[in-house]
Every structure is written in C-alpha cells, then in structure tokens.
Amino acid sequence: LEQDRAQHLNDKDPSQLWLAFMDLWNATGASAVPMNKVEEQRKKYFPDIHFSNIEEYITTAEKANHII
C-alpha cells in the first residue's frame, strides 16, 4: 500500500494517489467511524430509513434473482 502511494506521489493526475491513500486508510482502520456516533446520527437524521448490512444485501439478491 505504501508502495502505491509513493509511486503516484508526483503524478499530474492525483486520482491514483487519492485511491492509494484511501486503500491505506481502509487497511489501517483510519476511515472507520465510531459506531455509537453512527447509530446516534442514523436515529437523528434518518429515522425512517433502514440501513442494510452485507448479509441482508446477499439475502435480498438471492430472493430477487440477484437484483437489489
């Protein structure tokens, strides 16, 4: 991951550098948000919306001919 970041550090188009940073942040957990904060904001800002997890998406896709 660090090698990807270093490889694209001086690119004219920064998109690959951005992707490398996101890969690094995701791998280290730096992009994670505290779940207690997430739950509070879901209740406050999105009270009528159901947030599906991966298992729910897979189950729905299997029941609906792989269409979600």
PDB file of N, CA and C in Angstrom:
ATOM      1  N   LEU A   1       0.818  -1.200   0.000  1.00  0.00           N
ATOM      2  CA  LEU A   1       0.000   0.000   0.000  1.00  0.00           C
ATOM      3  C   LEU A   1       0.861   1.262   0.000  1.00  0.00           C
ATOM      4  N   GLU A   2       1.867   1.254   0.831  1.00  0.00           N
ATOM      5  CA  GLU A   2       2.767   2.413   0.871  1.00  0.00           C
ATOM      6  C   GLU A   2       3.498   2.566  -0.455  1.00  0.00           C
ATOM      7  N   GLN A   3       3.809   1.459  -1.093  1.00  0.00           N
ATOM      8  CA  GLN A   3       4.490   1.494  -2.389  1.00  0.00           C
ATOM      9  C   GLN A   3       3.601   2.164  -3.440  1.00  0.00           C
ATOM     10  N   ASP A   4       2.295   1.858  -3.435  1.00  0.00           N
ATOM     11  CA  ASP A   4       1.360   2.504  -4.363  1.00  0.00           C
ATOM     12  C   ASP A   4       1.317   4.011  -4.133  1.00  0.00           C
ATOM     13  N   ARG A   5       1.270   4.392  -2.865  1.00  0.00           N
ATOM     14  CA  ARG A   5       1.224   5.816  -2.535  1.00  0.00           C
ATOM     15  C   ARG A   5       2.486   6.512  -3.047  1.00  0.00           C
ATOM     16  N   ALA A   6       3.633   5.927  -2.777  1.00  0.00           N
ATOM     17  CA  ALA A   6       4.902   6.524  -3.199  1.00  0.00           C
ATOM     18  C   ALA A   6       5.011   6.586  -4.725  1.00  0.00           C
ATOM     19  N   GLN A   7       4.500   5.572  -5.398  1.00  0.00           N
ATOM     20  CA  GLN A   7       4.581   5.520  -6.859  1.00  0.00           C
ATOM     21  C   GLN A   7       3.814   6.664  -7.515  1.00  0.00           C
ATOM     22  N   HIS A   8       2.710   7.089  -6.904  1.00  0.00           N
ATOM     23  CA  HIS A   8       1.847   8.106  -7.517  1.00  0.00           C
ATOM     24  C   HIS A   8       1.975   9.482  -6.866  1.00  0.00           C
ATOM     25  N   LEU A   9       2.949   9.650  -6.011  1.00  0.00           N
ATOM     26  CA  LEU A   9       3.098  10.890  -5.249  1.00  0.00           C
ATOM     27  C   LEU A   9       3.251  12.127  -6.129  1.00  0.00           C
ATOM     28  N   ASN A  10       3.907  12.007  -7.269  1.00  0.00           N
ATOM     29  CA  ASN A  10       4.156  13.167  -8.127  1.00  0.00           C
ATOM     30  C   ASN A  10       3.399  13.126  -9.448  1.00  0.00           C
ATOM     31  N   ASP A  11       2.359  12.301  -9.529  1.00  0.00           N
ATOM     32  CA  ASP A  11       1.543  12.236 -10.751  1.00  0.00           C
ATOM     33  C   ASP A  11       0.868  13.577 -11.017  1.00  0.00           C
ATOM     34  N   LYS A  12       0.702  13.918 -12.298  1.00  0.00           N
ATOM     35  CA  LYS A  12      -0.052  15.128 -12.645  1.00  0.00           C
ATOM     36  C   LYS A  12      -1.528  14.945 -12.330  1.00  0.00           C
ATOM     37  N   ASP A  13      -2.036  13.747 -12.553  1.00  0.00           N
ATOM     38  CA  ASP A  13      -3.424  13.416 -12.216  1.00  0.00           C
ATOM     39  C   ASP A  13      -3.401  12.745 -10.838  1.00  0.00           C
ATOM     40  N   PRO A  14      -3.967  13.387  -9.829  1.00  0.00           N
ATOM     41  CA  PRO A  14      -3.860  12.859  -8.472  1.00  0.00           C
ATOM     42  C   PRO A  14      -4.821  11.711  -8.143  1.00  0.00           C
ATOM     43  N   SER A  15      -5.641  11.270  -9.083  1.00  0.00           N
ATOM     44  CA  SER A  15      -6.667  10.277  -8.754  1.00  0.00           C
ATOM     45  C   SER A  15      -6.078   8.963  -8.234  1.00  0.00           C
ATOM     46  N   GLN A  16      -4.976   8.493  -8.801  1.00  0.00           N
ATOM     47  CA  GLN A  16      -4.365   7.251  -8.314  1.00  0.00           C
ATOM     48  C   GLN A  16      -3.760   7.442  -6.921  1.00  0.00           C
ATOM     49  N   LEU A  17      -3.254   8.624  -6.656  1.00  0.00           N
ATOM     50  CA  LEU A  17      -2.734   8.925  -5.323  1.00  0.00           C
ATOM     51  C   LEU A  17      -3.868   8.915  -4.303  1.00  0.00           C
ATOM     52  N   TRP A  18      -5.001   9.499  -4.673  1.00  0.00           N
ATOM     53  CA  TRP A  18      -6.160   9.501  -3.775  1.00  0.00           C
ATOM     54  C   TRP A  18      -6.599   8.079  -3.468  1.00  0.00           C
ATOM     55  N   LEU A  19      -6.639   7.238  -4.498  1.00  0.00           N
ATOM     56  CA  LEU A  19      -7.019   5.839  -4.286  1.00  0.00           C
ATOM     57  C   LEU A  19      -6.021   5.130  -3.376  1.00  0.00           C
ATOM     58  N   ALA A  20      -4.753   5.406  -3.561  1.00  0.00           N
ATOM     59  CA  ALA A  20      -3.724   4.793  -2.719  1.00  0.00           C
ATOM     60  C   ALA A  20      -3.896   5.216  -1.263  1.00  0.00           C
ATOM     61  N   PHE A  21      -4.194   6.498  -1.039  1.00  0.00           N
ATOM     62  CA  PHE A  21      -4.438   6.959   0.329  1.00  0.00           C
ATOM     63  C   PHE A  21      -5.670   6.284   0.926  1.00  0.00           C
ATOM     64  N   MET A  22      -6.734   6.165   0.144  1.00  0.00           N
ATOM     65  CA  MET A  22      -7.948   5.520   0.649  1.00  0.00           C
ATOM     66  C   MET A  22      -7.694   4.051   0.974  1.00  0.00           C
ATOM     67  N   ASP A  23      -6.934   3.365   0.136  1.00  0.00           N
ATOM     68  CA  ASP A  23      -6.575   1.973   0.425  1.00  0.00           C
ATOM     69  C   ASP A  23      -5.806   1.875   1.736  1.00  0.00           C
ATOM     70  N   LEU A  24      -4.884   2.790   1.943  1.00  0.00           N
ATOM     71  CA  LEU A  24      -4.097   2.804   3.169  1.00  0.00           C
ATOM     72  C   LEU A  24      -4.982   3.082   4.384  1.00  0.00           C
ATOM     73  N   TRP A  25      -5.863   4.068   4.265  1.00  0.00           N
ATOM     74  CA  TRP A  25      -6.759   4.403   5.376  1.00  0.00           C
ATOM     75  C   TRP A  25      -7.698   3.246   5.693  1.00  0.00           C
ATOM     76  N   ASN A  26      -8.238   2.611   4.666  1.00  0.00           N
ATOM     77  CA  ASN A  26      -9.144   1.488   4.888  1.00  0.00           C
ATOM     78  C   ASN A  26      -8.428   0.313   5.540  1.00  0.00           C
ATOM     79  N   ALA A  27      -7.228   0.008   5.082  1.00  0.00           N
ATOM     80  CA  ALA A  27      -6.475  -1.126   5.617  1.00  0.00           C
ATOM     81  C   ALA A  27      -6.080  -0.916   7.076  1.00  0.00           C
ATOM     82  N   THR A  28      -5.837   0.324   7.466  1.00  0.00           N
ATOM     83  CA  THR A  28      -5.405   0.605   8.835  1.00  0.00           C
ATOM     84  C   THR A  28      -6.562   0.927   9.778  1.00  0.00           C
ATOM     85  N   GLY A  29      -7.768   1.040   9.219  1.00  0.00           N
ATOM     86  CA  GLY A  29      -8.921   1.376  10.048  1.00  0.00           C
ATOM     87  C   GLY A  29      -9.101   2.865  10.263  1.00  0.00           C
ATOM     88  N   ALA A  30      -8.280   3.676   9.630  1.00  0.00           N
ATOM     89  CA  ALA A  30      -8.346   5.124   9.820  1.00  0.00           C
ATOM     90  C   ALA A  30      -9.626   5.735   9.264  1.00  0.00           C
ATOM     91  N   SER A  31     -10.283   5.033   8.353  1.00  0.00           N
ATOM     92  CA  SER A  31     -11.521   5.564   7.770  1.00  0.00           C
ATOM     93  C   SER A  31     -12.754   5.169   8.580  1.00  0.00           C
ATOM     94  N   ALA A  32     -12.556   4.366   9.603  1.00  0.00           N
ATOM     95  CA  ALA A  32     -13.682   3.903  10.417  1.00  0.00           C
ATOM     96  C   ALA A  32     -14.192   5.027  11.319  1.00  0.00           C
ATOM     97  N   VAL A  33     -15.480   5.027  11.523  1.00  0.00           N
ATOM     98  CA  VAL A  33     -16.092   5.999  12.433  1.00  0.00           C
ATOM     99  C   VAL A  33     -16.634   5.247  13.643  1.00  0.00           C
ATOM    100  N   PRO A  34     -16.713   5.896  14.787  1.00  0.00           N
ATOM    101  CA  PRO A  34     -17.227   5.226  15.981  1.00  0.00           C
ATOM    102  C   PRO A  34     -18.691   4.814  15.786  1.00  0.00           C
ATOM    103  N   MET A  35     -18.989   3.530  15.983  1.00  0.00           N
ATOM    104  CA  MET A  35     -20.343   3.032  15.737  1.00  0.00           C
ATOM    105  C   MET A  35     -21.383   3.695  16.636  1.00  0.00           C
ATOM    106  N   ASN A  36     -21.026   4.078  17.849  1.00  0.00           N
ATOM    107  CA  ASN A  36     -22.005   4.749  18.698  1.00  0.00           C
ATOM    108  C   ASN A  36     -22.426   6.082  18.083  1.00  0.00           C
ATOM    109  N   LYS A  37     -21.489   6.787  17.472  1.00  0.00           N
ATOM    110  CA  LYS A  37     -21.787   8.052  16.790  1.00  0.00           C
ATOM    111  C   LYS A  37     -22.645   7.792  15.552  1.00  0.00           C
ATOM    112  N   VAL A  38     -22.315   6.735  14.815  1.00  0.00           N
ATOM    113  CA  VAL A  38     -23.092   6.362  13.631  1.00  0.00           C
ATOM    114  C   VAL A  38     -24.542   6.089  14.019  1.00  0.00           C
ATOM    115  N   GLU A  39     -24.748   5.296  15.046  1.00  0.00           N
ATOM    116  CA  GLU A  39     -26.105   4.950  15.478  1.00  0.00           C
ATOM    117  C   GLU A  39     -26.881   6.191  15.922  1.00  0.00           C
ATOM    118  N   GLU A  40     -26.235   7.082  16.656  1.00  0.00           N
ATOM    119  CA  GLU A  40     -26.888   8.323  17.086  1.00  0.00           C
ATOM    120  C   GLU A  40     -27.341   9.144  15.886  1.00  0.00           C
ATOM    121  N   GLN A  41     -26.461   9.302  14.903  1.00  0.00           N
ATOM    122  CA  GLN A  41     -26.795  10.117  13.735  1.00  0.00           C
ATOM    123  C   GLN A  41     -27.826   9.444  12.838  1.00  0.00           C
ATOM    124  N   ARG A  42     -27.806   8.131  12.750  1.00  0.00           N
ATOM    125  CA  ARG A  42     -28.840   7.431  11.980  1.00  0.00           C
ATOM    126  C   ARG A  42     -30.215   7.705  12.575  1.00  0.00           C
ATOM    127  N   LYS A  43     -30.315   7.599  13.892  1.00  0.00           N
ATOM    128  CA  LYS A  43     -31.600   7.847  14.559  1.00  0.00           C
ATOM    129  C   LYS A  43     -32.037   9.302  14.407  1.00  0.00           C
ATOM    130  N   LYS A  44     -31.088  10.214  14.517  1.00  0.00           N
ATOM    131  CA  LYS A  44     -31.400  11.638  14.460  1.00  0.00           C
ATOM    132  C   LYS A  44     -31.753  12.110  13.052  1.00  0.00           C
ATOM    133  N   TYR A  45     -30.928  11.746  12.060  1.00  0.00           N
ATOM    134  CA  TYR A  45     -31.079  12.293  10.712  1.00  0.00           C
ATOM    135  C   TYR A  45     -31.836  11.394   9.739  1.00  0.00           C
ATOM    136  N   PHE A  46     -31.894  10.099  10.019  1.00  0.00           N
ATOM    137  CA  PHE A  46     -32.521   9.154   9.092  1.00  0.00           C
ATOM    138  C   PHE A  46     -33.440   8.179   9.830  1.00  0.00           C
ATOM    139  N   PRO A  47     -34.389   8.672  10.608  1.00  0.00           N
ATOM    140  CA  PRO A  47     -35.188   7.778  11.453  1.00  0.00           C
ATOM    141  C   PRO A  47     -36.048   6.776  10.680  1.00  0.00           C
ATOM    142  N   ASP A  48     -36.427   7.083   9.464  1.00  0.00           N
ATOM    143  CA  ASP A  48     -37.319   6.202   8.708  1.00  0.00           C
ATOM    144  C   ASP A  48     -36.591   5.371   7.654  1.00  0.00           C
ATOM    145  N   ILE A  49     -35.286   5.340   7.700  1.00  0.00           N
ATOM    146  CA  ILE A  49     -34.512   4.606   6.699  1.00  0.00           C
ATOM    147  C   ILE A  49     -33.868   3.383   7.345  1.00  0.00           C
ATOM    148  N   HIS A  50     -34.014   2.232   6.668  1.00  0.00           N
ATOM    149  CA  HIS A  50     -33.358   1.012   7.132  1.00  0.00           C
ATOM    150  C   HIS A  50     -31.996   0.901   6.454  1.00  0.00           C
ATOM    151  N   PHE A  51     -30.950   0.734   7.222  1.00  0.00           N
ATOM    152  CA  PHE A  51     -29.608   0.558   6.688  1.00  0.00           C
ATOM    153  C   PHE A  51     -29.294  -0.931   6.680  1.00  0.00           C
ATOM    154  N   SER A  52     -29.133  -1.475   5.490  1.00  0.00           N
ATOM    155  CA  SER A  52     -28.864  -2.907   5.348  1.00  0.00           C
ATOM    156  C   SER A  52     -27.383  -3.205   5.543  1.00  0.00           C
ATOM    157  N   ASN A  53     -27.124  -4.398   6.057  1.00  0.00           N
ATOM    158  CA  ASN A  53     -25.738  -4.853   6.133  1.00  0.00           C
ATOM    159  C   ASN A  53     -25.475  -5.803   4.964  1.00  0.00           C
ATOM    160  N   ILE A  54     -24.278  -6.297   4.856  1.00  0.00           N
ATOM    161  CA  ILE A  54     -23.895  -7.143   3.722  1.00  0.00           C
ATOM    162  C   ILE A  54     -24.751  -8.403   3.657  1.00  0.00           C
ATOM    163  N   GLU A  55     -24.992  -9.032   4.795  1.00  0.00           N
ATOM    164  CA  GLU A  55     -25.795 -10.256   4.807  1.00  0.00           C
ATOM    165  C   GLU A  55     -27.202 -10.000   4.273  1.00  0.00           C
ATOM    166  N   GLU A  56     -27.788  -8.872   4.638  1.00  0.00           N
ATOM    167  CA  GLU A  56     -29.125  -8.532   4.141  1.00  0.00           C
ATOM    168  C   GLU A  56     -29.121  -8.317   2.633  1.00  0.00           C
ATOM    169  N   TYR A  57     -28.087  -7.666   2.111  1.00  0.00           N
ATOM    170  CA  TYR A  57     -27.981  -7.469   0.661  1.00  0.00           C
ATOM    171  C   TYR A  57     -27.903  -8.811  -0.066  1.00  0.00           C
ATOM    172  N   ILE A  58     -27.098  -9.717   0.463  1.00  0.00           N
ATOM    173  CA  ILE A  58     -26.951 -11.029  -0.171  1.00  0.00           C
ATOM    174  C   ILE A  58     -28.271 -11.783  -0.146  1.00  0.00           C
ATOM    175  N   THR A  59     -28.948 -11.782   0.983  1.00  0.00           N
ATOM    176  CA  THR A  59     -30.240 -12.465   1.098  1.00  0.00           C
ATOM    177  C   THR A  59     -31.254 -11.874   0.139  1.00  0.00           C
ATOM    178  N   THR A  60     -31.313 -10.558   0.060  1.00  0.00           N
ATOM    179  CA  THR A  60     -32.241  -9.894  -0.858  1.00  0.00           C
ATOM    180  C   THR A  60     -31.921 -10.250  -2.301  1.00  0.00           C
ATOM    181  N   ALA A  61     -30.654 -10.248  -2.645  1.00  0.00           N
ATOM    182  CA  ALA A  61     -30.251 -10.579  -4.014  1.00  0.00           C
ATOM    183  C   ALA A  61     -30.623 -12.009  -4.364  1.00  0.00           C
ATOM    184  N   GLU A  62     -30.447 -12.918  -3.430  1.00  0.00           N
ATOM    185  CA  GLU A  62     -30.793 -14.319  -3.686  1.00  0.00           C
ATOM    186  C   GLU A  62     -32.296 -14.493  -3.885  1.00  0.00           C
ATOM    187  N   LYS A  63     -33.089 -13.760  -3.141  1.00  0.00           N
ATOM    188  CA  LYS A  63     -34.547 -13.864  -3.251  1.00  0.00           C
ATOM    189  C   LYS A  63     -35.082 -13.162  -4.489  1.00  0.00           C
ATOM    190  N   ALA A  64     -34.398 -12.140  -4.940  1.00  0.00           N
ATOM    191  CA  ALA A  64     -34.911 -11.308  -6.033  1.00  0.00           C
ATOM    192  C   ALA A  64     -34.126 -11.510  -7.324  1.00  0.00           C
ATOM    193  N   ASN A  65     -33.712 -12.744  -7.586  1.00  0.00           N
ATOM    194  CA  ASN A  65     -32.970 -13.042  -8.811  1.00  0.00           C
ATOM    195  C   ASN A  65     -31.740 -12.155  -8.988  1.00  0.00           C
ATOM    196  N   HIS A  66     -31.042 -11.927  -7.889  1.00  0.00           N
ATOM    197  CA  HIS A  66     -29.790 -11.168  -7.899  1.00  0.00           C
ATOM    198  C   HIS A  66     -29.979  -9.696  -8.263  1.00  0.00           C
ATOM    199  N   ILE A  67     -31.151  -9.163  -7.997  1.00  0.00           N
ATOM    200  CA  ILE A  67     -31.417  -7.745  -8.244  1.00  0.00           C
ATOM    201  C   ILE A  67     -31.735  -7.082  -6.916  1.00  0.00           C
ATOM    202  N   ILE A  68     -31.062  -6.009  -6.635  1.00  0.00           N
ATOM    203  CA  ILE A  68     -31.337  -5.267  -5.400  1.00  0.00           C
ATOM    204  C   ILE A  68     -31.872  -3.909  -5.777  1.00  0.00           C
TER     205      ILE A  68
END
